[in-house]
Amino acid sequence: MCGRLLDTSSSFAIVSIVTPEQKSLAAIFRESRDRLGLTLREVEAKTGISNAYLSQLEGGKIKEPSPKTLHKLCELYGCSYSLALELAGYPVPTEQKLPVAARFAARIGKTTQDEETALLEYLQFLRSRKR
């Protein structure tokens, strides 16, 4: 049984096809590097991660690489970062859908009361022009 792993933050549509025997981080990284036709030295040049460390990671000797290392490799390979975090034993936050107002507030950051008032006035102005 194969499962397709999708990563919405990746530029790739299908990240990897994982079979039950490939559910280790080592196997996923090794398969991803092979799929891209990269050598360990090429990965080292692109990520700054030593080829010796990469070899140990792909060989399963390193079980908990840092999140920074995982991120670099997932970006290069087009793998799911959240899956890599999970396989390395890190807690993975569940995605919670925030209300529209909260998402908007998160995008603009902290505002003063004066800025909030000005934004609301400007929004009212924009909405009045559309009528």
N, C-alpha and C. Protein backbone atom coordinates (compact mmCIF):
# COMPACT_ATOMS: atom_id res chain seq x y z
N MET A 1 0.85 -1.18 0.00
CA MET A 1 0.00 0.00 0.00
C MET A 1 0.89 1.23 0.00
N CYS A 2 0.68 2.11 -0.96
CA CYS A 2 1.47 3.35 -1.04
C CYS A 2 0.62 4.51 -0.61
N GLY A 3 1.22 5.49 0.02
CA GLY A 3 0.53 6.70 0.39
C GLY A 3 1.26 7.89 -0.21
N ARG A 4 0.53 8.78 -0.79
CA ARG A 4 1.16 9.98 -1.34
C ARG A 4 1.17 11.05 -0.27
N LEU A 5 2.31 11.67 -0.10
CA LEU A 5 2.46 12.69 0.92
C LEU A 5 2.49 14.05 0.25
N LEU A 6 1.54 14.88 0.58
CA LEU A 6 1.45 16.20 -0.01
C LEU A 6 1.96 17.23 0.96
N ASP A 7 2.63 18.24 0.43
CA ASP A 7 3.13 19.34 1.25
C ASP A 7 2.67 20.62 0.58
N THR A 8 1.73 21.30 1.20
CA THR A 8 1.18 22.50 0.58
C THR A 8 2.17 23.64 0.52
N SER A 9 3.22 23.60 1.34
CA SER A 9 4.20 24.68 1.31
C SER A 9 5.28 24.43 0.27
N SER A 10 5.30 23.26 -0.32
CA SER A 10 6.32 22.91 -1.29
C SER A 10 5.88 23.32 -2.68
N SER A 11 6.85 23.56 -3.54
CA SER A 11 6.53 23.89 -4.92
C SER A 11 6.21 22.63 -5.72
N PHE A 12 6.46 21.46 -5.15
CA PHE A 12 6.14 20.21 -5.80
C PHE A 12 4.73 19.79 -5.41
N ALA A 13 3.99 19.22 -6.37
CA ALA A 13 2.64 18.78 -6.07
C ALA A 13 2.66 17.49 -5.25
N ILE A 14 3.41 16.49 -5.69
CA ILE A 14 3.52 15.25 -4.95
C ILE A 14 4.93 15.19 -4.41
N VAL A 15 5.05 15.09 -3.13
CA VAL A 15 6.35 15.15 -2.49
C VAL A 15 7.06 13.82 -2.60
N SER A 16 6.39 12.77 -2.25
CA SER A 16 7.03 11.47 -2.22
C SER A 16 5.96 10.40 -2.19
N ILE A 17 6.32 9.23 -2.63
CA ILE A 17 5.44 8.09 -2.48
C ILE A 17 6.12 7.19 -1.46
N VAL A 18 5.46 7.00 -0.34
CA VAL A 18 6.06 6.27 0.77
C VAL A 18 5.35 4.95 0.95
N THR A 19 6.12 3.89 0.95
CA THR A 19 5.58 2.57 1.23
C THR A 19 5.85 2.27 2.70
N PRO A 20 5.19 1.30 3.27
CA PRO A 20 5.41 1.00 4.69
C PRO A 20 6.87 0.74 5.04
N GLU A 21 7.62 0.10 4.14
CA GLU A 21 9.01 -0.18 4.46
C GLU A 21 9.91 1.04 4.29
N GLN A 22 9.40 2.16 3.80
CA GLN A 22 10.18 3.38 3.61
C GLN A 22 9.82 4.47 4.60
N LYS A 23 9.18 4.15 5.69
CA LYS A 23 8.70 5.18 6.59
C LYS A 23 9.76 5.73 7.52
N SER A 24 11.02 5.49 7.23
CA SER A 24 12.06 6.08 8.06
C SER A 24 12.55 7.35 7.38
N LEU A 25 13.02 8.26 8.20
CA LEU A 25 13.56 9.51 7.69
C LEU A 25 14.74 9.24 6.76
N ALA A 26 15.58 8.29 7.15
CA ALA A 26 16.76 7.93 6.34
C ALA A 26 16.34 7.50 4.94
N ALA A 27 15.34 6.63 4.86
CA ALA A 27 14.90 6.12 3.56
C ALA A 27 14.29 7.21 2.70
N ILE A 28 13.52 8.08 3.31
CA ILE A 28 12.89 9.16 2.55
C ILE A 28 13.94 10.10 1.98
N PHE A 29 14.93 10.47 2.79
CA PHE A 29 15.98 11.37 2.30
C PHE A 29 16.84 10.70 1.23
N ARG A 30 17.17 9.45 1.43
CA ARG A 30 17.99 8.73 0.45
C ARG A 30 17.23 8.62 -0.88
N GLU A 31 15.95 8.26 -0.82
CA GLU A 31 15.13 8.11 -2.03
C GLU A 31 14.97 9.46 -2.73
N SER A 32 14.79 10.50 -1.95
CA SER A 32 14.60 11.84 -2.54
C SER A 32 15.88 12.31 -3.23
N ARG A 33 17.02 12.07 -2.61
CA ARG A 33 18.30 12.48 -3.22
C ARG A 33 18.54 11.68 -4.50
N ASP A 34 18.27 10.38 -4.45
CA ASP A 34 18.43 9.54 -5.64
C ASP A 34 17.50 9.99 -6.77
N ARG A 35 16.27 10.32 -6.41
CA ARG A 35 15.28 10.75 -7.40
C ARG A 35 15.75 12.00 -8.13
N LEU A 36 16.44 12.89 -7.41
CA LEU A 36 16.95 14.11 -8.01
C LEU A 36 18.31 13.92 -8.68
N GLY A 37 18.89 12.75 -8.51
CA GLY A 37 20.18 12.46 -9.13
C GLY A 37 21.33 13.23 -8.53
N LEU A 38 21.25 13.52 -7.23
CA LEU A 38 22.30 14.29 -6.56
C LEU A 38 23.24 13.38 -5.79
N THR A 39 24.51 13.76 -5.76
CA THR A 39 25.48 13.07 -4.91
C THR A 39 25.46 13.72 -3.54
N LEU A 40 26.06 13.04 -2.57
CA LEU A 40 26.16 13.63 -1.23
C LEU A 40 26.96 14.93 -1.26
N ARG A 41 27.99 14.97 -2.09
CA ARG A 41 28.80 16.19 -2.19
C ARG A 41 28.01 17.34 -2.82
N GLU A 42 27.14 17.04 -3.76
CA GLU A 42 26.30 18.08 -4.36
C GLU A 42 25.29 18.62 -3.34
N VAL A 43 24.74 17.72 -2.53
CA VAL A 43 23.82 18.15 -1.48
C VAL A 43 24.57 19.01 -0.47
N GLU A 44 25.79 18.62 -0.14
CA GLU A 44 26.61 19.40 0.77
C GLU A 44 26.83 20.81 0.22
N ALA A 45 27.14 20.92 -1.06
CA ALA A 45 27.38 22.22 -1.67
C ALA A 45 26.12 23.09 -1.65
N LYS A 46 24.97 22.48 -1.82
CA LYS A 46 23.71 23.24 -1.88
C LYS A 46 23.16 23.60 -0.51
N THR A 47 23.48 22.79 0.53
CA THR A 47 22.87 23.00 1.85
C THR A 47 23.85 23.42 2.93
N GLY A 48 25.14 23.15 2.72
CA GLY A 48 26.12 23.43 3.76
C GLY A 48 26.19 22.34 4.82
N ILE A 49 25.49 21.23 4.60
CA ILE A 49 25.51 20.10 5.52
C ILE A 49 26.59 19.13 5.02
N SER A 50 27.50 18.75 5.89
CA SER A 50 28.62 17.92 5.44
C SER A 50 28.15 16.59 4.87
N ASN A 51 28.90 16.11 3.86
CA ASN A 51 28.51 14.85 3.24
C ASN A 51 28.64 13.68 4.21
N ALA A 52 29.55 13.77 5.17
CA ALA A 52 29.68 12.72 6.19
C ALA A 52 28.42 12.66 7.05
N TYR A 53 27.92 13.83 7.45
CA TYR A 53 26.68 13.89 8.25
C TYR A 53 25.51 13.36 7.43
N LEU A 54 25.44 13.76 6.15
CA LEU A 54 24.36 13.30 5.28
C LEU A 54 24.39 11.78 5.13
N SER A 55 25.61 11.23 5.00
CA SER A 55 25.75 9.78 4.88
C SER A 55 25.24 9.08 6.13
N GLN A 56 25.59 9.62 7.30
CA GLN A 56 25.11 9.03 8.55
C GLN A 56 23.60 9.17 8.68
N LEU A 57 23.06 10.30 8.24
CA LEU A 57 21.62 10.52 8.29
C LEU A 57 20.90 9.52 7.39
N GLU A 58 21.38 9.36 6.16
CA GLU A 58 20.76 8.42 5.23
C GLU A 58 20.97 6.97 5.65
N GLY A 59 22.02 6.70 6.42
CA GLY A 59 22.28 5.36 6.91
C GLY A 59 21.50 5.02 8.17
N GLY A 60 20.77 5.99 8.69
CA GLY A 60 19.94 5.76 9.87
C GLY A 60 20.69 5.88 11.19
N LYS A 61 21.94 6.33 11.14
CA LYS A 61 22.71 6.47 12.38
C LYS A 61 22.30 7.71 13.17
N ILE A 62 21.85 8.72 12.47
CA ILE A 62 21.38 9.95 13.12
C ILE A 62 19.86 9.91 13.11
N LYS A 63 19.28 9.87 14.29
CA LYS A 63 17.82 9.71 14.42
C LYS A 63 17.10 11.04 14.60
N GLU A 64 17.76 12.04 15.19
CA GLU A 64 17.10 13.32 15.48
C GLU A 64 17.92 14.50 14.97
N PRO A 65 17.97 14.70 13.65
CA PRO A 65 18.67 15.88 13.14
C PRO A 65 17.92 17.14 13.56
N SER A 66 18.61 18.25 13.59
CA SER A 66 17.97 19.50 14.02
C SER A 66 16.88 19.92 13.04
N PRO A 67 15.89 20.66 13.51
CA PRO A 67 14.86 21.17 12.60
C PRO A 67 15.46 22.01 11.46
N LYS A 68 16.54 22.73 11.75
CA LYS A 68 17.19 23.54 10.72
C LYS A 68 17.74 22.65 9.60
N THR A 69 18.38 21.55 9.98
CA THR A 69 18.90 20.60 9.00
C THR A 69 17.76 19.98 8.20
N LEU A 70 16.71 19.58 8.90
CA LEU A 70 15.55 19.00 8.22
C LEU A 70 14.96 19.98 7.21
N HIS A 71 14.86 21.23 7.61
CA HIS A 71 14.28 22.24 6.73
C HIS A 71 15.12 22.41 5.46
N LYS A 72 16.42 22.50 5.63
CA LYS A 72 17.30 22.65 4.46
C LYS A 72 17.14 21.48 3.48
N LEU A 73 17.12 20.27 4.03
CA LEU A 73 17.00 19.10 3.16
C LEU A 73 15.62 19.00 2.52
N CYS A 74 14.59 19.31 3.27
CA CYS A 74 13.23 19.26 2.72
C CYS A 74 13.04 20.31 1.62
N GLU A 75 13.62 21.48 1.81
CA GLU A 75 13.54 22.51 0.76
C GLU A 75 14.22 22.02 -0.52
N LEU A 76 15.40 21.43 -0.38
CA LEU A 76 16.14 20.95 -1.54
C LEU A 76 15.43 19.78 -2.21
N TYR A 77 14.97 18.83 -1.42
CA TYR A 77 14.38 17.61 -1.96
C TYR A 77 12.90 17.75 -2.33
N GLY A 78 12.24 18.79 -1.84
CA GLY A 78 10.81 18.93 -2.08
C GLY A 78 9.99 17.99 -1.20
N CYS A 79 10.53 17.65 -0.04
CA CYS A 79 9.85 16.74 0.90
C CYS A 79 8.98 17.53 1.87
N SER A 80 8.09 16.84 2.50
CA SER A 80 7.23 17.44 3.52
C SER A 80 8.04 17.70 4.78
N TYR A 81 8.18 18.95 5.16
CA TYR A 81 8.91 19.33 6.37
C TYR A 81 8.19 18.80 7.60
N SER A 82 6.87 18.89 7.62
CA SER A 82 6.14 18.40 8.80
C SER A 82 6.30 16.89 8.97
N LEU A 83 6.33 16.15 7.87
CA LEU A 83 6.56 14.71 7.96
C LEU A 83 7.97 14.43 8.49
N ALA A 84 8.95 15.18 8.01
CA ALA A 84 10.33 14.99 8.48
C ALA A 84 10.43 15.28 9.97
N LEU A 85 9.79 16.35 10.42
CA LEU A 85 9.79 16.66 11.85
C LEU A 85 9.18 15.52 12.65
N GLU A 86 8.07 15.01 12.18
CA GLU A 86 7.38 13.91 12.87
C GLU A 86 8.25 12.66 12.92
N LEU A 87 8.88 12.30 11.80
CA LEU A 87 9.72 11.11 11.76
C LEU A 87 10.97 11.26 12.62
N ALA A 88 11.43 12.49 12.82
CA ALA A 88 12.60 12.74 13.66
C ALA A 88 12.22 12.81 15.14
N GLY A 89 10.92 12.71 15.44
CA GLY A 89 10.49 12.69 16.83
C GLY A 89 10.10 14.04 17.40
N TYR A 90 10.02 15.07 16.56
CA TYR A 90 9.63 16.39 17.05
C TYR A 90 8.11 16.52 17.05
N PRO A 91 7.56 17.27 17.99
CA PRO A 91 6.11 17.50 17.95
C PRO A 91 5.76 18.37 16.75
N VAL A 92 4.69 18.02 16.08
CA VAL A 92 4.25 18.76 14.91
C VAL A 92 2.92 19.42 15.24
N PRO A 93 2.87 20.74 15.17
CA PRO A 93 1.60 21.40 15.48
C PRO A 93 0.55 21.08 14.43
N THR A 94 -0.67 20.92 14.90
CA THR A 94 -1.75 20.71 13.96
C THR A 94 -2.18 22.05 13.41
N GLU A 95 -2.54 22.05 12.15
CA GLU A 95 -2.94 23.30 11.52
C GLU A 95 -4.36 23.64 11.95
N GLN A 96 -4.48 24.82 12.51
CA GLN A 96 -5.80 25.27 12.93
C GLN A 96 -6.21 26.42 12.03
N LYS A 97 -7.41 26.33 11.52
CA LYS A 97 -7.91 27.36 10.64
C LYS A 97 -8.39 28.53 11.49
N LEU A 98 -7.70 29.66 11.36
CA LEU A 98 -8.08 30.85 12.11
C LEU A 98 -9.21 31.57 11.41
N PRO A 99 -10.03 32.29 12.16
CA PRO A 99 -11.06 33.11 11.53
C PRO A 99 -10.40 34.18 10.65
N VAL A 100 -11.14 34.67 9.67
CA VAL A 100 -10.61 35.65 8.73
C VAL A 100 -10.01 36.86 9.45
N ALA A 101 -10.71 37.36 10.45
CA ALA A 101 -10.22 38.53 11.18
C ALA A 101 -8.88 38.25 11.85
N ALA A 102 -8.73 37.06 12.41
CA ALA A 102 -7.47 36.71 13.07
C ALA A 102 -6.35 36.54 12.06
N ARG A 103 -6.66 35.96 10.88
CA ARG A 103 -5.63 35.81 9.85
C ARG A 103 -5.18 37.18 9.36
N PHE A 104 -6.12 38.11 9.20
CA PHE A 104 -5.77 39.47 8.77
C PHE A 104 -4.90 40.15 9.81
N ALA A 105 -5.28 40.03 11.07
CA ALA A 105 -4.50 40.64 12.15
C ALA A 105 -3.09 40.06 12.20
N ALA A 106 -2.97 38.76 11.97
CA ALA A 106 -1.65 38.12 11.99
C ALA A 106 -0.78 38.62 10.85
N ARG A 107 -1.41 38.96 9.72
CA ARG A 107 -0.63 39.44 8.57
C ARG A 107 -0.10 40.85 8.78
N ILE A 108 -0.85 41.70 9.47
CA ILE A 108 -0.40 43.09 9.61
C ILE A 108 0.37 43.33 10.90
N GLY A 109 0.32 42.38 11.82
CA GLY A 109 1.08 42.52 13.06
C GLY A 109 0.37 43.40 14.07
N LYS A 110 1.11 43.75 15.13
CA LYS A 110 0.53 44.57 16.19
C LYS A 110 0.28 45.98 15.66
N THR A 111 -0.84 46.53 16.08
CA THR A 111 -1.19 47.90 15.68
C THR A 111 -1.56 48.70 16.92
N THR A 112 -1.37 49.99 16.82
CA THR A 112 -1.81 50.87 17.90
C THR A 112 -3.29 51.13 17.70
N GLN A 113 -3.92 51.73 18.70
CA GLN A 113 -5.34 52.06 18.60
C GLN A 113 -5.56 53.05 17.46
N ASP A 114 -4.66 54.02 17.30
CA ASP A 114 -4.78 55.01 16.22
C ASP A 114 -4.67 54.34 14.85
N GLU A 115 -3.74 53.39 14.73
CA GLU A 115 -3.59 52.68 13.45
C GLU A 115 -4.83 51.85 13.14
N GLU A 116 -5.37 51.21 14.15
CA GLU A 116 -6.57 50.40 13.97
C GLU A 116 -7.74 51.26 13.52
N THR A 117 -7.88 52.42 14.15
CA THR A 117 -8.95 53.35 13.77
C THR A 117 -8.76 53.80 12.33
N ALA A 118 -7.53 54.15 11.96
CA ALA A 118 -7.25 54.61 10.60
C ALA A 118 -7.52 53.50 9.58
N LEU A 119 -7.16 52.27 9.92
CA LEU A 119 -7.42 51.15 9.01
C LEU A 119 -8.92 50.94 8.81
N LEU A 120 -9.67 51.01 9.89
CA LEU A 120 -11.12 50.83 9.79
C LEU A 120 -11.76 51.94 8.95
N GLU A 121 -11.29 53.18 9.15
CA GLU A 121 -11.81 54.29 8.35
C GLU A 121 -11.48 54.10 6.88
N TYR A 122 -10.27 53.66 6.59
CA TYR A 122 -9.87 53.45 5.20
C TYR A 122 -10.68 52.31 4.58
N LEU A 123 -10.92 51.25 5.34
CA LEU A 123 -11.72 50.15 4.85
C LEU A 123 -13.15 50.61 4.55
N GLN A 124 -13.72 51.43 5.43
CA GLN A 124 -15.06 51.97 5.17
C GLN A 124 -15.05 52.81 3.91
N PHE A 125 -14.01 53.61 3.70
CA PHE A 125 -13.89 54.42 2.49
C PHE A 125 -13.84 53.52 1.25
N LEU A 126 -13.03 52.47 1.27
CA LEU A 126 -12.92 51.56 0.12
C LEU A 126 -14.26 50.89 -0.17
N ARG A 127 -14.94 50.47 0.87
CA ARG A 127 -16.23 49.81 0.68
C ARG A 127 -17.29 50.76 0.15
N SER A 128 -17.21 52.02 0.53
CA SER A 128 -18.21 52.99 0.05
C SER A 128 -18.01 53.29 -1.43
N ARG A 129 -16.80 53.21 -1.92
CA ARG A 129 -16.51 53.47 -3.34
C ARG A 129 -17.03 52.38 -4.24
N LYS A 130 -17.20 51.18 -3.74
CA LYS A 130 -17.63 50.04 -4.55
C LYS A 130 -19.12 50.04 -4.81
N ARG A 131 -19.87 50.87 -4.11
CA ARG A 131 -21.33 50.87 -4.26
C ARG A 131 -21.78 51.67 -5.41
